[in-house]
Amino acid sequence: MRGALSLNPTYYEALKRLTLELAGVNLGSDHAFLIETRLSSLSRKEGYESLDEMIEELFNTGQSRLALKVVSSLLERDTHFYTDRTSFDKVERVIFPALYPIHKGGKIRIVSFGCSSGQEVYCLAMALDKAKDKFPDVAIEIVGVDYPSSALDRAKAGRYTHFEVQRGLPIRDLLSYFDRQAEDWVIKEHIRKSVKFEETHLLSNLDSLGQFDIVVFRNALPHYSSPAQVRVLRGLSTLIKPLGYLLLGTNETLSHINYGFDPLARQPNVFRKREEKVEIIEDPDIKKPSNRKTFEKAKRRLKNMGDMRQTNSA
């Protein structure tokens, strides 16, 4: 396999450093073939004569647009439908029942952070559509967020190959929620309209996304460097409303990095954001009440004042 590689070896190291710098992700030492195959496709799409030409332009000119496209291509995840089903089911079985009484009559917002080609987002939409009789009278908004990439473009289109729908998607869901178009399967319109996708640099300021009741960020955190994990979790903490939930993958934990999350009992990969405490600022000029629990002293003082008045009048 290595004989098919054509890039100068120094470029692999430079591309790994670029990915770590821009996205905080370590590609590892065995990604040369992945780098070449992913970027060869991108170079053709961008109109370059060869992969070498694109890489030379990237490092000679320092184009930020091209750098982002290169890094996004390298970070595209090969996602399946209903990956890590044990973790996924906790949205419907654990988190939603806890949030529903609070938000009934309003809206519950969910974000899939690092959504890639969108399978997780559509699985959430399908699962909650099937459970709508259990959770009536609540609006649900689902947002998928990831780097701008061809994978995210596919997510927006909701179009998948026959091979892709065979990986994890139950036949009942395929027939209920997809239409066959030529060789592909396309998510039905009412499901596609119930979700939206945002192109966002995951290490940037996320305030423009608003706040969410549930943040799903599964099976991605271990790929980030330690400093990037801190930045990612700090960003996630700003996205989640107080008493909202963070869902990681089945075997993932926040470890020593916290940012105001508490693990749910018997649900080690589900975390709840602590309720914000209101800071009370006291005015030193305002007289504070005493610690008395009865009015006996006041009664005796009033009685003594009354006795003194009677004595003086006499």
C-alpha atoms as a PDB file:
ATOM      1  CA  MET A   1       0.000   0.000   0.000  1.00  0.00           C
ATOM      2  CA  ARG A   2       2.841   2.360   0.805  1.00  0.00           C
ATOM      3  CA  GLY A   3       4.206   1.952  -2.717  1.00  0.00           C
ATOM      4  CA  ALA A   4       1.144   3.807  -4.031  1.00  0.00           C
ATOM      5  CA  LEU A   5       1.961   6.915  -1.994  1.00  0.00           C
ATOM      6  CA  SER A   6       3.361   9.841  -3.964  1.00  0.00           C
ATOM      7  CA  LEU A   7       3.637  12.819  -1.607  1.00  0.00           C
ATOM      8  CA  ASN A   8       6.970  13.932  -0.248  1.00  0.00           C
ATOM      9  CA  PRO A   9       7.228  12.367   3.264  1.00  0.00           C
ATOM     10  CA  THR A  10       7.796  15.779   4.833  1.00  0.00           C
ATOM     11  CA  TYR A  11       4.329  16.833   3.659  1.00  0.00           C
ATOM     12  CA  TYR A  12       2.658  14.149   5.791  1.00  0.00           C
ATOM     13  CA  GLU A  13       4.233  15.558   8.921  1.00  0.00           C
ATOM     14  CA  ALA A  14       3.357  19.114   7.870  1.00  0.00           C
ATOM     15  CA  LEU A  15      -0.274  18.126   7.241  1.00  0.00           C
ATOM     16  CA  LYS A  16      -0.512  16.432  10.632  1.00  0.00           C
ATOM     17  CA  ARG A  17       0.850  19.570  12.312  1.00  0.00           C
ATOM     18  CA  LEU A  18      -1.627  21.708  10.361  1.00  0.00           C
ATOM     19  CA  THR A  19      -4.539  19.499  11.477  1.00  0.00           C
ATOM     20  CA  LEU A  20      -3.406  19.654  15.085  1.00  0.00           C
ATOM     21  CA  GLU A  21      -3.020  23.444  14.922  1.00  0.00           C
ATOM     22  CA  LEU A  22      -6.341  24.214  13.227  1.00  0.00           C
ATOM     23  CA  ALA A  23      -8.563  21.495  14.689  1.00  0.00           C
ATOM     24  CA  GLY A  24      -6.752  20.146  17.735  1.00  0.00           C
ATOM     25  CA  VAL A  25      -6.863  16.593  16.351  1.00  0.00           C
ATOM     26  CA  ASN A  26      -3.937  14.164  16.288  1.00  0.00           C
ATOM     27  CA  LEU A  27      -4.000  12.150  13.053  1.00  0.00           C
ATOM     28  CA  GLY A  28      -1.526   9.606  14.383  1.00  0.00           C
ATOM     29  CA  SER A  29       1.469   7.966  12.731  1.00  0.00           C
ATOM     30  CA  ASP A  30      -0.349   5.568  10.393  1.00  0.00           C
ATOM     31  CA  HIS A  31      -2.499   8.019   8.416  1.00  0.00           C
ATOM     32  CA  ALA A  32      -0.323   8.492   5.318  1.00  0.00           C
ATOM     33  CA  PHE A  33      -2.643   6.455   3.084  1.00  0.00           C
ATOM     34  CA  LEU A  34      -5.747   8.184   4.480  1.00  0.00           C
ATOM     35  CA  ILE A  35      -4.132  11.583   3.885  1.00  0.00           C
ATOM     36  CA  GLU A  36      -3.294  10.755   0.305  1.00  0.00           C
ATOM     37  CA  THR A  37      -6.645   9.215  -0.641  1.00  0.00           C
ATOM     38  CA  ARG A  38      -8.723  11.950   1.007  1.00  0.00           C
ATOM     39  CA  LEU A  39      -6.693  14.800  -0.449  1.00  0.00           C
ATOM     40  CA  SER A  40      -6.394  13.290  -3.934  1.00  0.00           C
ATOM     41  CA  SER A  41     -10.182  13.469  -4.175  1.00  0.00           C
ATOM     42  CA  LEU A  42     -10.162  17.057  -2.902  1.00  0.00           C
ATOM     43  CA  SER A  43      -7.454  18.136  -5.362  1.00  0.00           C
ATOM     44  CA  ARG A  44      -9.529  16.874  -8.299  1.00  0.00           C
ATOM     45  CA  LYS A  45     -12.625  18.630  -6.962  1.00  0.00           C
ATOM     46  CA  GLU A  46     -10.685  21.895  -6.555  1.00  0.00           C
ATOM     47  CA  GLY A  47      -9.384  21.683 -10.136  1.00  0.00           C
ATOM     48  CA  TYR A  48      -5.684  20.991  -9.517  1.00  0.00           C
ATOM     49  CA  GLU A  49      -3.587  18.975 -11.961  1.00  0.00           C
ATOM     50  CA  SER A  50      -2.289  16.781  -9.150  1.00  0.00           C
ATOM     51  CA  LEU A  51      -2.265  16.346  -5.397  1.00  0.00           C
ATOM     52  CA  ASP A  52       1.324  17.666  -5.267  1.00  0.00           C
ATOM     53  CA  GLU A  53       0.236  20.900  -6.950  1.00  0.00           C
ATOM     54  CA  MET A  54      -2.480  21.508  -4.359  1.00  0.00           C
ATOM     55  CA  ILE A  55      -0.216  20.734  -1.399  1.00  0.00           C
ATOM     56  CA  GLU A  56       2.590  22.940  -2.747  1.00  0.00           C
ATOM     57  CA  GLU A  57       0.156  25.825  -3.182  1.00  0.00           C
ATOM     58  CA  LEU A  58      -1.197  25.242   0.338  1.00  0.00           C
ATOM     59  CA  PHE A  59       2.192  25.573   1.995  1.00  0.00           C
ATOM     60  CA  ASN A  60       3.660  28.168  -0.381  1.00  0.00           C
ATOM     61  CA  THR A  61       0.740  30.611  -0.227  1.00  0.00           C
ATOM     62  CA  GLY A  62      -0.786  29.768   3.163  1.00  0.00           C
ATOM     63  CA  GLN A  63      -4.356  30.062   1.848  1.00  0.00           C
ATOM     64  CA  SER A  64      -6.702  29.925   4.838  1.00  0.00           C
ATOM     65  CA  ARG A  65      -9.642  28.786   2.667  1.00  0.00           C
ATOM     66  CA  LEU A  66      -7.650  25.912   1.201  1.00  0.00           C
ATOM     67  CA  ALA A  67      -6.187  25.014   4.601  1.00  0.00           C
ATOM     68  CA  LEU A  68      -9.670  24.693   6.088  1.00  0.00           C
ATOM     69  CA  LYS A  69     -10.823  22.512   3.192  1.00  0.00           C
ATOM     70  CA  VAL A  70      -7.767  20.276   3.520  1.00  0.00           C
ATOM     71  CA  VAL A  71      -8.205  19.849   7.270  1.00  0.00           C
ATOM     72  CA  SER A  72     -11.955  19.292   6.919  1.00  0.00           C
ATOM     73  CA  SER A  73     -11.319  16.531   4.367  1.00  0.00           C
ATOM     74  CA  LEU A  74      -8.858  14.843   6.684  1.00  0.00           C
ATOM     75  CA  LEU A  75     -11.317  14.963   9.584  1.00  0.00           C
ATOM     76  CA  GLU A  76     -14.350  13.521   7.791  1.00  0.00           C
ATOM     77  CA  ARG A  77     -15.625  10.595   9.842  1.00  0.00           C
ATOM     78  CA  ASP A  78     -17.086   7.454   8.327  1.00  0.00           C
ATOM     79  CA  THR A  79     -20.352   7.442  10.274  1.00  0.00           C
ATOM     80  CA  HIS A  80     -23.067   4.770  10.277  1.00  0.00           C
ATOM     81  CA  PHE A  81     -26.733   4.780  11.211  1.00  0.00           C
ATOM     82  CA  TYR A  82     -27.358   3.996  14.897  1.00  0.00           C
ATOM     83  CA  THR A  83     -23.666   3.685  15.771  1.00  0.00           C
ATOM     84  CA  ASP A  84     -23.204   2.866  19.465  1.00  0.00           C
ATOM     85  CA  ARG A  85     -26.908   2.077  19.896  1.00  0.00           C
ATOM     86  CA  THR A  86     -26.605   1.667  23.678  1.00  0.00           C
ATOM     87  CA  SER A  87     -25.513   5.275  24.034  1.00  0.00           C
ATOM     88  CA  PHE A  88     -27.910   6.570  21.406  1.00  0.00           C
ATOM     89  CA  ASP A  89     -31.014   5.050  23.050  1.00  0.00           C
ATOM     90  CA  LYS A  90     -30.377   7.072  26.220  1.00  0.00           C
ATOM     91  CA  VAL A  91     -31.723  10.186  24.507  1.00  0.00           C
ATOM     92  CA  GLU A  92     -35.180   8.623  24.297  1.00  0.00           C
ATOM     93  CA  ARG A  93     -35.090   6.464  27.449  1.00  0.00           C
ATOM     94  CA  VAL A  94     -33.249   8.655  29.972  1.00  0.00           C
ATOM     95  CA  ILE A  95     -32.774  12.260  28.872  1.00  0.00           C
ATOM     96  CA  PHE A  96     -36.065  13.047  27.142  1.00  0.00           C
ATOM     97  CA  PRO A  97     -38.290  11.747  29.971  1.00  0.00           C
ATOM     98  CA  ALA A  98     -36.364  14.002  32.381  1.00  0.00           C
ATOM     99  CA  LEU A  99     -36.685  17.097  30.190  1.00  0.00           C
ATOM    100  CA  TYR A 100     -40.243  16.603  28.944  1.00  0.00           C
ATOM    101  CA  PRO A 101     -42.143  17.663  32.112  1.00  0.00           C
ATOM    102  CA  ILE A 102     -40.076  20.857  32.230  1.00  0.00           C
ATOM    103  CA  HIS A 103     -40.491  21.780  28.556  1.00  0.00           C
ATOM    104  CA  LYS A 104     -43.995  20.518  27.806  1.00  0.00           C
ATOM    105  CA  GLY A 105     -45.754  23.226  25.848  1.00  0.00           C
ATOM    106  CA  GLY A 106     -42.419  24.651  24.704  1.00  0.00           C
ATOM    107  CA  LYS A 107     -39.356  23.486  22.785  1.00  0.00           C
ATOM    108  CA  ILE A 108     -36.445  21.097  23.319  1.00  0.00           C
ATOM    109  CA  ARG A 109     -33.307  21.895  21.318  1.00  0.00           C
ATOM    110  CA  ILE A 110     -30.781  19.168  20.465  1.00  0.00           C
ATOM    111  CA  VAL A 111     -27.406  19.531  18.759  1.00  0.00           C
ATOM    112  CA  SER A 112     -25.263  16.774  17.283  1.00  0.00           C
ATOM    113  CA  PHE A 113     -21.736  18.136  17.633  1.00  0.00           C
ATOM    114  CA  GLY A 114     -19.372  16.801  14.940  1.00  0.00           C
ATOM    115  CA  CYS A 115     -22.222  15.324  12.883  1.00  0.00           C
ATOM    116  CA  SER A 116     -20.199  14.410   9.752  1.00  0.00           C
ATOM    117  CA  SER A 117     -22.541  13.084   7.013  1.00  0.00           C
ATOM    118  CA  GLY A 118     -25.646  13.367   9.197  1.00  0.00           C
ATOM    119  CA  GLN A 119     -26.661   9.813  10.066  1.00  0.00           C
ATOM    120  CA  GLU A 120     -26.792  10.580  13.792  1.00  0.00           C
ATOM    121  CA  VAL A 121     -28.952  13.660  13.258  1.00  0.00           C
ATOM    122  CA  TYR A 122     -31.470  11.769  11.142  1.00  0.00           C
ATOM    123  CA  CYS A 123     -31.492   8.847  13.593  1.00  0.00           C
ATOM    124  CA  LEU A 124     -32.415  11.278  16.378  1.00  0.00           C
ATOM    125  CA  ALA A 125     -35.175  12.747  14.212  1.00  0.00           C
ATOM    126  CA  MET A 126     -36.553   9.305  13.310  1.00  0.00           C
ATOM    127  CA  ALA A 127     -36.425   8.015  16.903  1.00  0.00           C
ATOM    128  CA  LEU A 128     -38.233  11.062  18.281  1.00  0.00           C
ATOM    129  CA  ASP A 129     -40.767  10.955  15.440  1.00  0.00           C
ATOM    130  CA  LYS A 130     -41.612   7.383  16.458  1.00  0.00           C
ATOM    131  CA  ALA A 131     -41.885   8.481  20.112  1.00  0.00           C
ATOM    132  CA  LYS A 132     -44.002  11.578  19.450  1.00  0.00           C
ATOM    133  CA  ASP A 133     -47.082  10.041  21.118  1.00  0.00           C
ATOM    134  CA  LYS A 134     -45.050   9.603  24.322  1.00  0.00           C
ATOM    135  CA  PHE A 135     -43.964  13.255  24.270  1.00  0.00           C
ATOM    136  CA  PRO A 136     -46.894  15.299  22.907  1.00  0.00           C
ATOM    137  CA  ASP A 137     -47.159  19.063  23.002  1.00  0.00           C
ATOM    138  CA  VAL A 138     -43.431  19.782  22.722  1.00  0.00           C
ATOM    139  CA  ALA A 139     -41.571  21.167  19.712  1.00  0.00           C
ATOM    140  CA  ILE A 140     -38.236  19.531  18.865  1.00  0.00           C
ATOM    141  CA  GLU A 141     -35.392  21.262  17.029  1.00  0.00           C
ATOM    142  CA  ILE A 142     -32.341  19.209  15.970  1.00  0.00           C
ATOM    143  CA  VAL A 143     -29.168  20.846  14.656  1.00  0.00           C
ATOM    144  CA  GLY A 144     -26.121  19.108  13.199  1.00  0.00           C
ATOM    145  CA  VAL A 145     -22.804  20.955  13.506  1.00  0.00           C
ATOM    146  CA  ASP A 146     -19.461  20.221  11.871  1.00  0.00           C
ATOM    147  CA  TYR A 147     -16.640  21.656   9.798  1.00  0.00           C
ATOM    148  CA  PRO A 148     -17.628  22.659   6.232  1.00  0.00           C
ATOM    149  CA  SER A 149     -16.975  19.584   4.105  1.00  0.00           C
ATOM    150  CA  SER A 150     -18.414  17.324   1.422  1.00  0.00           C
ATOM    151  CA  ALA A 151     -19.709  15.089   4.235  1.00  0.00           C
ATOM    152  CA  LEU A 152     -21.772  17.976   5.620  1.00  0.00           C
ATOM    153  CA  ASP A 153     -23.071  18.721   2.111  1.00  0.00           C
ATOM    154  CA  ARG A 154     -24.300  15.125   1.924  1.00  0.00           C
ATOM    155  CA  ALA A 155     -25.941  15.498   5.311  1.00  0.00           C
ATOM    156  CA  LYS A 156     -27.870  18.544   4.099  1.00  0.00           C
ATOM    157  CA  ALA A 157     -29.048  16.618   1.038  1.00  0.00           C
ATOM    158  CA  GLY A 158     -30.092  13.600   3.122  1.00  0.00           C
ATOM    159  CA  ARG A 159     -29.002  11.262   0.327  1.00  0.00           C
ATOM    160  CA  TYR A 160     -27.258   7.947   1.001  1.00  0.00           C
ATOM    161  CA  THR A 161     -26.085   5.027  -1.091  1.00  0.00           C
ATOM    162  CA  HIS A 162     -27.562   1.552  -0.769  1.00  0.00           C
ATOM    163  CA  PHE A 163     -24.350   0.468   0.949  1.00  0.00           C
ATOM    164  CA  GLU A 164     -24.657   3.262   3.524  1.00  0.00           C
ATOM    165  CA  VAL A 165     -28.266   2.518   4.484  1.00  0.00           C
ATOM    166  CA  GLN A 166     -27.365  -1.142   4.966  1.00  0.00           C
ATOM    167  CA  ARG A 167     -24.926  -0.194   7.736  1.00  0.00           C
ATOM    168  CA  GLY A 168     -27.022  -0.047  10.893  1.00  0.00           C
ATOM    169  CA  LEU A 169     -30.377   1.172   9.531  1.00  0.00           C
ATOM    170  CA  PRO A 170     -33.285  -1.214  10.311  1.00  0.00           C
ATOM    171  CA  ILE A 171     -35.313  -2.174   7.236  1.00  0.00           C
ATOM    172  CA  ARG A 172     -38.460  -0.792   8.911  1.00  0.00           C
ATOM    173  CA  ASP A 173     -36.862   2.655   9.237  1.00  0.00           C
ATOM    174  CA  LEU A 174     -35.577   2.490   5.656  1.00  0.00           C
ATOM    175  CA  LEU A 175     -39.070   1.819   4.300  1.00  0.00           C
ATOM    176  CA  SER A 176     -40.796   4.325   6.613  1.00  0.00           C
ATOM    177  CA  TYR A 177     -38.419   7.272   6.330  1.00  0.00           C
ATOM    178  CA  PHE A 178     -36.622   7.004   2.978  1.00  0.00           C
ATOM    179  CA  ASP A 179     -37.572   7.206  -0.697  1.00  0.00           C
ATOM    180  CA  ARG A 180     -35.650   5.373  -3.401  1.00  0.00           C
ATOM    181  CA  GLN A 181     -34.220   7.706  -6.046  1.00  0.00           C
ATOM    182  CA  ALA A 182     -32.250   5.927  -8.775  1.00  0.00           C
ATOM    183  CA  GLU A 183     -29.477   4.051  -6.925  1.00  0.00           C
ATOM    184  CA  ASP A 184     -29.701   6.111  -3.730  1.00  0.00           C
ATOM    185  CA  TRP A 185     -32.022   6.492  -0.771  1.00  0.00           C
ATOM    186  CA  VAL A 186     -33.224   9.979   0.235  1.00  0.00           C
ATOM    187  CA  ILE A 187     -34.639  10.888   3.646  1.00  0.00           C
ATOM    188  CA  LYS A 188     -38.321  11.843   3.483  1.00  0.00           C
ATOM    189  CA  GLU A 189     -39.128  15.520   3.309  1.00  0.00           C
ATOM    190  CA  HIS A 190     -40.873  15.833   6.693  1.00  0.00           C
ATOM    191  CA  ILE A 191     -37.804  14.432   8.477  1.00  0.00           C
ATOM    192  CA  ARG A 192     -35.336  16.539   6.486  1.00  0.00           C
ATOM    193  CA  LYS A 193     -37.345  19.675   7.304  1.00  0.00           C
ATOM    194  CA  SER A 194     -37.227  18.858  11.021  1.00  0.00           C
ATOM    195  CA  VAL A 195     -33.436  19.218  11.167  1.00  0.00           C
ATOM    196  CA  LYS A 196     -30.849  21.729  10.030  1.00  0.00           C
ATOM    197  CA  PHE A 197     -27.093  21.772   9.633  1.00  0.00           C
ATOM    198  CA  GLU A 198     -24.569  24.467  10.509  1.00  0.00           C
ATOM    199  CA  GLU A 199     -20.991  24.854   9.244  1.00  0.00           C
ATOM    200  CA  THR A 200     -18.912  25.761  12.278  1.00  0.00           C
ATOM    201  CA  HIS A 201     -15.279  25.474  13.292  1.00  0.00           C
ATOM    202  CA  LEU A 202     -15.582  23.317  16.397  1.00  0.00           C
ATOM    203  CA  LEU A 203     -12.844  25.170  18.287  1.00  0.00           C
ATOM    204  CA  SER A 204     -14.274  28.610  17.533  1.00  0.00           C
ATOM    205  CA  ASN A 205     -16.715  30.707  19.547  1.00  0.00           C
ATOM    206  CA  LEU A 206     -20.034  28.811  19.437  1.00  0.00           C
ATOM    207  CA  ASP A 207     -22.285  31.536  20.858  1.00  0.00           C
ATOM    208  CA  SER A 208     -24.017  32.107  17.510  1.00  0.00           C
ATOM    209  CA  LEU A 209     -25.581  28.632  17.729  1.00  0.00           C
ATOM    210  CA  GLY A 210     -27.613  29.593  20.779  1.00  0.00           C
ATOM    211  CA  GLN A 211     -28.213  27.234  23.693  1.00  0.00           C
ATOM    212  CA  PHE A 212     -29.428  23.656  23.750  1.00  0.00           C
ATOM    213  CA  ASP A 213     -31.111  21.275  26.159  1.00  0.00           C
ATOM    214  CA  ILE A 214     -29.179  18.270  24.826  1.00  0.00           C
ATOM    215  CA  VAL A 215     -25.705  18.162  23.293  1.00  0.00           C
ATOM    216  CA  VAL A 216     -24.687  14.880  21.660  1.00  0.00           C
ATOM    217  CA  PHE A 217     -20.930  14.496  21.211  1.00  0.00           C
ATOM    218  CA  ARG A 218     -20.171  10.802  20.892  1.00  0.00           C
ATOM    219  CA  ASN A 219     -16.959   8.961  20.052  1.00  0.00           C
ATOM    220  CA  ALA A 220     -14.989  12.051  19.037  1.00  0.00           C
ATOM    221  CA  LEU A 221     -13.396  13.493  22.192  1.00  0.00           C
ATOM    222  CA  PRO A 222     -10.481  10.972  22.378  1.00  0.00           C
ATOM    223  CA  HIS A 223      -9.230  12.129  18.954  1.00  0.00           C
ATOM    224  CA  TYR A 224      -8.502  15.635  20.259  1.00  0.00           C
ATOM    225  CA  SER A 225      -5.255  16.627  21.927  1.00  0.00           C
ATOM    226  CA  SER A 226      -5.445  17.391  25.661  1.00  0.00           C
ATOM    227  CA  PRO A 227      -5.454  21.211  25.185  1.00  0.00           C
ATOM    228  CA  ALA A 228      -8.105  20.879  22.457  1.00  0.00           C
ATOM    229  CA  GLN A 229     -10.273  18.707  24.719  1.00  0.00           C
ATOM    230  CA  VAL A 230     -10.299  21.529  27.236  1.00  0.00           C
ATOM    231  CA  ARG A 231     -11.329  24.026  24.548  1.00  0.00           C
ATOM    232  CA  VAL A 232     -14.025  21.710  23.175  1.00  0.00           C
ATOM    233  CA  LEU A 233     -15.550  21.057  26.593  1.00  0.00           C
ATOM    234  CA  ARG A 234     -15.407  24.739  27.482  1.00  0.00           C
ATOM    235  CA  GLY A 235     -17.324  25.437  24.272  1.00  0.00           C
ATOM    236  CA  LEU A 236     -19.849  22.686  25.002  1.00  0.00           C
ATOM    237  CA  SER A 237     -20.443  24.086  28.468  1.00  0.00           C
ATOM    238  CA  THR A 238     -21.542  27.385  26.915  1.00  0.00           C
ATOM    239  CA  LEU A 239     -23.956  25.575  24.579  1.00  0.00           C
ATOM    240  CA  ILE A 240     -25.831  23.622  27.232  1.00  0.00           C
ATOM    241  CA  LYS A 241     -28.529  25.291  29.292  1.00  0.00           C
ATOM    242  CA  PRO A 242     -28.473  24.849  33.066  1.00  0.00           C
ATOM    243  CA  LEU A 243     -29.964  21.419  33.875  1.00  0.00           C
ATOM    244  CA  GLY A 244     -29.408  20.385  30.248  1.00  0.00           C
ATOM    245  CA  TYR A 245     -27.584  17.201  29.217  1.00  0.00           C
ATOM    246  CA  LEU A 246     -24.344  16.165  27.541  1.00  0.00           C
ATOM    247  CA  LEU A 247     -24.234  12.687  25.961  1.00  0.00           C
ATOM    248  CA  LEU A 248     -20.868  11.083  25.197  1.00  0.00           C
ATOM    249  CA  GLY A 249     -20.105   7.668  23.718  1.00  0.00           C
ATOM    250  CA  THR A 250     -20.683   4.532  25.817  1.00  0.00           C
ATOM    251  CA  ASN A 251     -17.088   4.198  27.042  1.00  0.00           C
ATOM    252  CA  GLU A 252     -16.303   7.924  27.259  1.00  0.00           C
ATOM    253  CA  THR A 253     -15.973  10.070  30.341  1.00  0.00           C
ATOM    254  CA  LEU A 254     -15.119  13.660  31.183  1.00  0.00           C
ATOM    255  CA  SER A 255     -12.373  12.428  33.521  1.00  0.00           C
ATOM    256  CA  HIS A 256     -10.857  15.389  35.391  1.00  0.00           C
ATOM    257  CA  ILE A 257     -12.198  17.974  32.903  1.00  0.00           C
ATOM    258  CA  ASN A 258     -15.571  19.113  34.164  1.00  0.00           C
ATOM    259  CA  TYR A 259     -16.863  22.642  33.433  1.00  0.00           C
ATOM    260  CA  GLY A 260     -19.975  22.291  35.545  1.00  0.00           C
ATOM    261  CA  PHE A 261     -21.218  18.820  34.545  1.00  0.00           C
ATOM    262  CA  ASP A 262     -22.264  16.061  36.937  1.00  0.00           C
ATOM    263  CA  PRO A 263     -22.511  12.407  35.857  1.00  0.00           C
ATOM    264  CA  LEU A 264     -25.951  10.832  36.054  1.00  0.00           C
ATOM    265  CA  ALA A 265     -26.291   7.942  38.490  1.00  0.00           C
ATOM    266  CA  ARG A 266     -25.945   4.576  36.715  1.00  0.00           C
ATOM    267  CA  GLN A 267     -25.482   6.408  33.394  1.00  0.00           C
ATOM    268  CA  PRO A 268     -21.705   6.952  33.230  1.00  0.00           C
ATOM    269  CA  ASN A 269     -21.659   8.659  29.826  1.00  0.00           C
ATOM    270  CA  VAL A 270     -24.582  11.036  30.503  1.00  0.00           C
ATOM    271  CA  PHE A 271     -23.818  14.350  32.221  1.00  0.00           C
ATOM    272  CA  ARG A 272     -26.117  17.050  33.533  1.00  0.00           C
ATOM    273  CA  LYS A 273     -25.181  20.722  33.572  1.00  0.00           C
ATOM    274  CA  ARG A 274     -25.416  22.187  37.032  1.00  0.00           C
ATOM    275  CA  GLU A 275     -27.985  24.883  37.706  1.00  0.00           C
ATOM    276  CA  GLU A 276     -26.393  28.300  37.746  1.00  0.00           C
ATOM    277  CA  LYS A 277     -26.090  29.769  41.222  1.00  0.00           C
ATOM    278  CA  VAL A 278     -27.154  33.394  41.576  1.00  0.00           C
ATOM    279  CA  GLU A 279     -24.409  35.447  43.222  1.00  0.00           C
ATOM    280  CA  ILE A 280     -25.870  37.626  45.978  1.00  0.00           C
ATOM    281  CA  ILE A 281     -24.131  40.979  46.336  1.00  0.00           C
ATOM    282  CA  GLU A 282     -24.927  42.616  49.658  1.00  0.00           C
ATOM    283  CA  ASP A 283     -25.176  46.369  50.137  1.00  0.00           C
ATOM    284  CA  PRO A 284     -23.143  47.184  53.280  1.00  0.00           C
ATOM    285  CA  ASP A 285     -25.378  50.204  53.996  1.00  0.00           C
ATOM    286  CA  ILE A 286     -28.510  48.096  54.358  1.00  0.00           C
ATOM    287  CA  LYS A 287     -29.253  47.046  57.926  1.00  0.00           C
ATOM    288  CA  LYS A 288     -29.240  43.277  58.263  1.00  0.00           C
ATOM    289  CA  PRO A 289     -31.882  41.419  60.289  1.00  0.00           C
ATOM    290  CA  SER A 290     -30.798  39.832  63.542  1.00  0.00           C
ATOM    291  CA  ASN A 291     -30.636  36.077  64.064  1.00  0.00           C
ATOM    292  CA  ARG A 292     -33.473  36.061  66.599  1.00  0.00           C
ATOM    293  CA  LYS A 293     -36.090  33.333  66.332  1.00  0.00           C
ATOM    294  CA  THR A 294     -38.706  34.760  68.769  1.00  0.00           C
ATOM    295  CA  PHE A 295     -40.037  38.176  69.762  1.00  0.00           C
ATOM    296  CA  GLU A 296     -39.757  37.692  73.546  1.00  0.00           C
ATOM    297  CA  LYS A 297     -37.052  40.332  74.019  1.00  0.00           C
ATOM    298  CA  ALA A 298     -39.049  42.860  71.988  1.00  0.00           C
ATOM    299  CA  LYS A 299     -42.158  42.112  74.030  1.00  0.00           C
ATOM    300  CA  ARG A 300     -40.279  42.656  77.320  1.00  0.00           C
ATOM    301  CA  ARG A 301     -38.783  45.883  75.984  1.00  0.00           C
ATOM    302  CA  LEU A 302     -42.220  47.192  74.986  1.00  0.00           C
ATOM    303  CA  LYS A 303     -43.643  46.202  78.368  1.00  0.00           C
ATOM    304  CA  ASN A 304     -40.830  48.038  80.162  1.00  0.00           C
ATOM    305  CA  MET A 305     -41.428  51.142  78.036  1.00  0.00           C
ATOM    306  CA  GLY A 306     -45.124  50.989  78.929  1.00  0.00           C
ATOM    307  CA  ASP A 307     -44.353  50.652  82.634  1.00  0.00           C
ATOM    308  CA  MET A 308     -42.027  53.675  82.464  1.00  0.00           C
ATOM    309  CA  ARG A 309     -44.740  55.812  80.806  1.00  0.00           C
ATOM    310  CA  GLN A 310     -47.228  54.886  83.515  1.00  0.00           C
ATOM    311  CA  THR A 311     -44.712  55.778  86.242  1.00  0.00           C
ATOM    312  CA  ASN A 312     -43.922  59.158  84.672  1.00  0.00           C
ATOM    313  CA  SER A 313     -47.579  60.069  84.226  1.00  0.00           C
ATOM    314  CA  ALA A 314     -48.240  59.272  87.814  1.00  0.00           C
END
